[in-house]
């Protein structure tokens, strides 16, 4: 299961991503927000992060206006490696090298067509498992 959440700045993009994920057959738990009304992104970022860290969801997707604030909030949760990605290369590299478990994007930065490609790249790329990358992840976790 995937966790997804956004603030008002990411609401429209989240709706597009939800349609795409449903079409692709993913099971998704939506942590909000549920309208374009202003909300506080830290609460949503942390809720998604806890769902991933606790094993309720395998991976997460977070969206705010820039993706910055919501990724900072998520990264406060132990065991979370949220990566802000605005391109497919970064989405692939963060899965291969960092075993990132949450993708963050900016709803005011990335258009919907490109965002769906970033999501697909993030979700289909496996961690490389290379010793040097595992060692570095361990250093991040300590």
C-alpha atoms as a PDB file:
ATOM      1  CA  UNK A   1       0.000   0.000   0.000  1.00  0.00           C
ATOM      2  CA  UNK A   2       1.120   3.545  -0.764  1.00  0.00           C
ATOM      3  CA  UNK A   3       0.544   6.576   1.445  1.00  0.00           C
ATOM      4  CA  UNK A   4      -0.183   9.926  -0.166  1.00  0.00           C
ATOM      5  CA  UNK A   5      -0.691  13.384   1.264  1.00  0.00           C
ATOM      6  CA  UNK A   6      -0.577  17.028   0.306  1.00  0.00           C
ATOM      7  CA  UNK A   7      -1.335  20.522   1.428  1.00  0.00           C
ATOM      8  CA  UNK A   8      -3.438  23.018  -0.505  1.00  0.00           C
ATOM      9  CA  UNK A   9      -0.508  23.792  -2.839  1.00  0.00           C
ATOM     10  CA  UNK A  10      -0.372  20.161  -3.913  1.00  0.00           C
ATOM     11  CA  UNK A  11      -4.078  19.324  -3.937  1.00  0.00           C
ATOM     12  CA  UNK A  12      -4.620  19.468  -7.714  1.00  0.00           C
ATOM     13  CA  UNK A  13      -1.500  17.423  -8.478  1.00  0.00           C
ATOM     14  CA  UNK A  14      -2.455  14.860  -5.822  1.00  0.00           C
ATOM     15  CA  UNK A  15      -5.802  14.349  -7.557  1.00  0.00           C
ATOM     16  CA  UNK A  16      -4.014  13.619 -10.853  1.00  0.00           C
ATOM     17  CA  UNK A  17      -1.602  11.215  -9.165  1.00  0.00           C
ATOM     18  CA  UNK A  18      -4.454   9.394  -7.384  1.00  0.00           C
ATOM     19  CA  UNK A  19      -6.237   8.802 -10.712  1.00  0.00           C
ATOM     20  CA  UNK A  20      -3.009   7.517 -12.233  1.00  0.00           C
ATOM     21  CA  UNK A  21      -2.209   5.200  -9.317  1.00  0.00           C
ATOM     22  CA  UNK A  22      -5.743   3.797  -9.347  1.00  0.00           C
ATOM     23  CA  UNK A  23      -5.460   3.121 -13.080  1.00  0.00           C
ATOM     24  CA  UNK A  24      -2.126   1.343 -12.468  1.00  0.00           C
ATOM     25  CA  UNK A  25      -3.702  -0.845  -9.778  1.00  0.00           C
ATOM     26  CA  UNK A  26      -1.984   0.556  -6.682  1.00  0.00           C
ATOM     27  CA  UNK A  27      -3.719   0.476  -3.326  1.00  0.00           C
ATOM     28  CA  UNK A  28      -3.457   3.958  -1.790  1.00  0.00           C
ATOM     29  CA  UNK A  29      -4.245   5.454   1.601  1.00  0.00           C
ATOM     30  CA  UNK A  30      -4.973   9.173   1.297  1.00  0.00           C
ATOM     31  CA  UNK A  31      -3.947  11.279   4.310  1.00  0.00           C
ATOM     32  CA  UNK A  32      -5.370  14.513   2.877  1.00  0.00           C
ATOM     33  CA  UNK A  33      -5.857  17.286   2.312  1.00  0.00           C
ATOM     34  CA  UNK A  34      -9.240  16.811   0.735  1.00  0.00           C
ATOM     35  CA  UNK A  35      -9.888  20.275  -0.725  1.00  0.00           C
ATOM     36  CA  UNK A  36      -7.916  23.294  -1.926  1.00  0.00           C
ATOM     37  CA  UNK A  37      -8.545  25.046   1.421  1.00  0.00           C
ATOM     38  CA  UNK A  38      -5.364  26.044   3.303  1.00  0.00           C
ATOM     39  CA  UNK A  39      -3.968  23.438   5.719  1.00  0.00           C
ATOM     40  CA  UNK A  40      -0.738  23.005   7.681  1.00  0.00           C
ATOM     41  CA  UNK A  41       1.612  20.738   5.714  1.00  0.00           C
ATOM     42  CA  UNK A  42       3.701  19.494   8.702  1.00  0.00           C
ATOM     43  CA  UNK A  43       0.797  17.458  10.100  1.00  0.00           C
ATOM     44  CA  UNK A  44       0.145  15.747   6.771  1.00  0.00           C
ATOM     45  CA  UNK A  45       3.843  15.181   6.078  1.00  0.00           C
ATOM     46  CA  UNK A  46       4.312  13.559   9.467  1.00  0.00           C
ATOM     47  CA  UNK A  47       1.159  11.422   9.133  1.00  0.00           C
ATOM     48  CA  UNK A  48       2.375   9.951   5.841  1.00  0.00           C
ATOM     49  CA  UNK A  49       5.880   9.507   7.262  1.00  0.00           C
ATOM     50  CA  UNK A  50       4.585   7.634  10.311  1.00  0.00           C
ATOM     51  CA  UNK A  51       2.486   5.337   8.093  1.00  0.00           C
ATOM     52  CA  UNK A  52       5.623   4.436   6.128  1.00  0.00           C
ATOM     53  CA  UNK A  53       7.946   4.216   9.139  1.00  0.00           C
ATOM     54  CA  UNK A  54       5.469   2.025  11.044  1.00  0.00           C
ATOM     55  CA  UNK A  55       5.073  -0.349   8.080  1.00  0.00           C
ATOM     56  CA  UNK A  56       1.414   0.449   7.434  1.00  0.00           C
ATOM     57  CA  UNK A  57       2.442   1.612   3.946  1.00  0.00           C
ATOM     58  CA  UNK A  58       5.421   0.560   1.835  1.00  0.00           C
ATOM     59  CA  UNK A  59       6.187   3.974   0.324  1.00  0.00           C
ATOM     60  CA  UNK A  60       4.769   7.473   0.369  1.00  0.00           C
ATOM     61  CA  UNK A  61       4.179  10.449  -1.884  1.00  0.00           C
ATOM     62  CA  UNK A  62       3.982  13.978  -0.512  1.00  0.00           C
ATOM     63  CA  UNK A  63       3.138  17.197  -2.329  1.00  0.00           C
ATOM     64  CA  UNK A  64       3.091  20.805  -1.218  1.00  0.00           C
ATOM     65  CA  UNK A  65       3.629  23.985  -3.222  1.00  0.00           C
ATOM     66  CA  UNK A  66       7.376  23.427  -3.580  1.00  0.00           C
ATOM     67  CA  UNK A  67       7.788  20.009  -1.949  1.00  0.00           C
ATOM     68  CA  UNK A  68      10.367  21.495   0.404  1.00  0.00           C
ATOM     69  CA  UNK A  69       8.416  22.058   3.612  1.00  0.00           C
ATOM     70  CA  UNK A  70       6.502  18.798   3.509  1.00  0.00           C
ATOM     71  CA  UNK A  71       9.709  16.805   2.872  1.00  0.00           C
ATOM     72  CA  UNK A  72      11.442  18.523   5.803  1.00  0.00           C
ATOM     73  CA  UNK A  73       8.504  17.588   8.051  1.00  0.00           C
ATOM     74  CA  UNK A  74       8.546  13.963   6.866  1.00  0.00           C
ATOM     75  CA  UNK A  75      12.294  13.647   7.378  1.00  0.00           C
ATOM     76  CA  UNK A  76      11.844  14.420  11.090  1.00  0.00           C
ATOM     77  CA  UNK A  77      10.388  10.914  11.506  1.00  0.00           C
ATOM     78  CA  UNK A  78      12.958   8.217  12.297  1.00  0.00           C
ATOM     79  CA  UNK A  79      13.470   5.808   9.425  1.00  0.00           C
ATOM     80  CA  UNK A  80      12.174   8.151   6.757  1.00  0.00           C
ATOM     81  CA  UNK A  81      14.212   9.170   3.752  1.00  0.00           C
ATOM     82  CA  UNK A  82      11.989  11.618   1.886  1.00  0.00           C
ATOM     83  CA  UNK A  83      13.503  12.918  -1.325  1.00  0.00           C
ATOM     84  CA  UNK A  84      12.363  16.011  -3.189  1.00  0.00           C
ATOM     85  CA  UNK A  85      12.432  15.178  -6.890  1.00  0.00           C
ATOM     86  CA  UNK A  86      11.552  17.337  -9.878  1.00  0.00           C
ATOM     87  CA  UNK A  87      12.934  14.994 -12.539  1.00  0.00           C
ATOM     88  CA  UNK A  88      13.088  11.283 -13.340  1.00  0.00           C
ATOM     89  CA  UNK A  89      16.868  11.039 -12.942  1.00  0.00           C
ATOM     90  CA  UNK A  90      16.647  12.211  -9.318  1.00  0.00           C
ATOM     91  CA  UNK A  91      13.727   9.860  -8.612  1.00  0.00           C
ATOM     92  CA  UNK A  92      15.697   6.914  -9.984  1.00  0.00           C
ATOM     93  CA  UNK A  93      18.935   7.864  -8.233  1.00  0.00           C
ATOM     94  CA  UNK A  94      17.314   8.367  -4.847  1.00  0.00           C
ATOM     95  CA  UNK A  95      15.774   4.887  -4.999  1.00  0.00           C
ATOM     96  CA  UNK A  96      18.976   3.243  -6.293  1.00  0.00           C
ATOM     97  CA  UNK A  97      21.381   4.993  -3.921  1.00  0.00           C
ATOM     98  CA  UNK A  98      19.368   6.239  -0.929  1.00  0.00           C
ATOM     99  CA  UNK A  99      16.540   3.695  -0.798  1.00  0.00           C
ATOM    100  CA  UNK A 100      14.244   6.712  -0.339  1.00  0.00           C
ATOM    101  CA  UNK A 101      10.853   5.650   0.946  1.00  0.00           C
ATOM    102  CA  UNK A 102       8.937   8.877   0.333  1.00  0.00           C
ATOM    103  CA  UNK A 103       8.812  10.932  -2.855  1.00  0.00           C
ATOM    104  CA  UNK A 104       8.173  14.648  -2.392  1.00  0.00           C
ATOM    105  CA  UNK A 105       7.193  16.986  -5.209  1.00  0.00           C
ATOM    106  CA  UNK A 106       6.127  20.571  -5.669  1.00  0.00           C
ATOM    107  CA  UNK A 107       2.634  21.025  -7.028  1.00  0.00           C
ATOM    108  CA  UNK A 108       3.604  24.512  -8.198  1.00  0.00           C
ATOM    109  CA  UNK A 109       6.909  23.266  -9.639  1.00  0.00           C
ATOM    110  CA  UNK A 110       6.187  20.073 -11.597  1.00  0.00           C
ATOM    111  CA  UNK A 111       3.423  19.744 -14.181  1.00  0.00           C
ATOM    112  CA  UNK A 112       1.073  16.768 -14.007  1.00  0.00           C
ATOM    113  CA  UNK A 113       2.406  14.892 -17.044  1.00  0.00           C
ATOM    114  CA  UNK A 114       5.978  15.034 -15.843  1.00  0.00           C
ATOM    115  CA  UNK A 115       4.947  14.304 -12.244  1.00  0.00           C
ATOM    116  CA  UNK A 116       3.340  11.012 -13.292  1.00  0.00           C
ATOM    117  CA  UNK A 117       6.599   9.939 -14.951  1.00  0.00           C
ATOM    118  CA  UNK A 118       8.511  10.854 -11.775  1.00  0.00           C
ATOM    119  CA  UNK A 119       6.047   8.828  -9.677  1.00  0.00           C
ATOM    120  CA  UNK A 120       6.359   5.810 -11.990  1.00  0.00           C
ATOM    121  CA  UNK A 121      10.151   6.006 -11.897  1.00  0.00           C
ATOM    122  CA  UNK A 122      10.209   6.254  -8.112  1.00  0.00           C
ATOM    123  CA  UNK A 123       7.788   3.363  -7.617  1.00  0.00           C
ATOM    124  CA  UNK A 124       9.406   0.965 -10.092  1.00  0.00           C
ATOM    125  CA  UNK A 125      13.067   1.532  -9.227  1.00  0.00           C
ATOM    126  CA  UNK A 126      14.500  -0.856  -6.646  1.00  0.00           C
ATOM    127  CA  UNK A 127      17.309  -0.078  -4.208  1.00  0.00           C
ATOM    128  CA  UNK A 128      20.624  -1.235  -5.681  1.00  0.00           C
ATOM    129  CA  UNK A 129      21.651  -2.967  -2.462  1.00  0.00           C
ATOM    130  CA  UNK A 130      25.298  -2.092  -3.102  1.00  0.00           C
ATOM    131  CA  UNK A 131      27.415  -2.130   0.041  1.00  0.00           C
ATOM    132  CA  UNK A 132      28.576   1.478  -0.341  1.00  0.00           C
ATOM    133  CA  UNK A 133      24.996   2.717  -0.557  1.00  0.00           C
ATOM    134  CA  UNK A 134      23.831   0.569   2.354  1.00  0.00           C
ATOM    135  CA  UNK A 135      26.760   1.872   4.404  1.00  0.00           C
ATOM    136  CA  UNK A 136      25.839   5.469   3.637  1.00  0.00           C
ATOM    137  CA  UNK A 137      22.193   4.904   4.510  1.00  0.00           C
ATOM    138  CA  UNK A 138      23.328   3.445   7.813  1.00  0.00           C
ATOM    139  CA  UNK A 139      25.368   6.590   8.416  1.00  0.00           C
ATOM    140  CA  UNK A 140      22.278   8.734   7.753  1.00  0.00           C
ATOM    141  CA  UNK A 141      20.196   6.658  10.165  1.00  0.00           C
ATOM    142  CA  UNK A 142      22.702   6.960  13.036  1.00  0.00           C
END
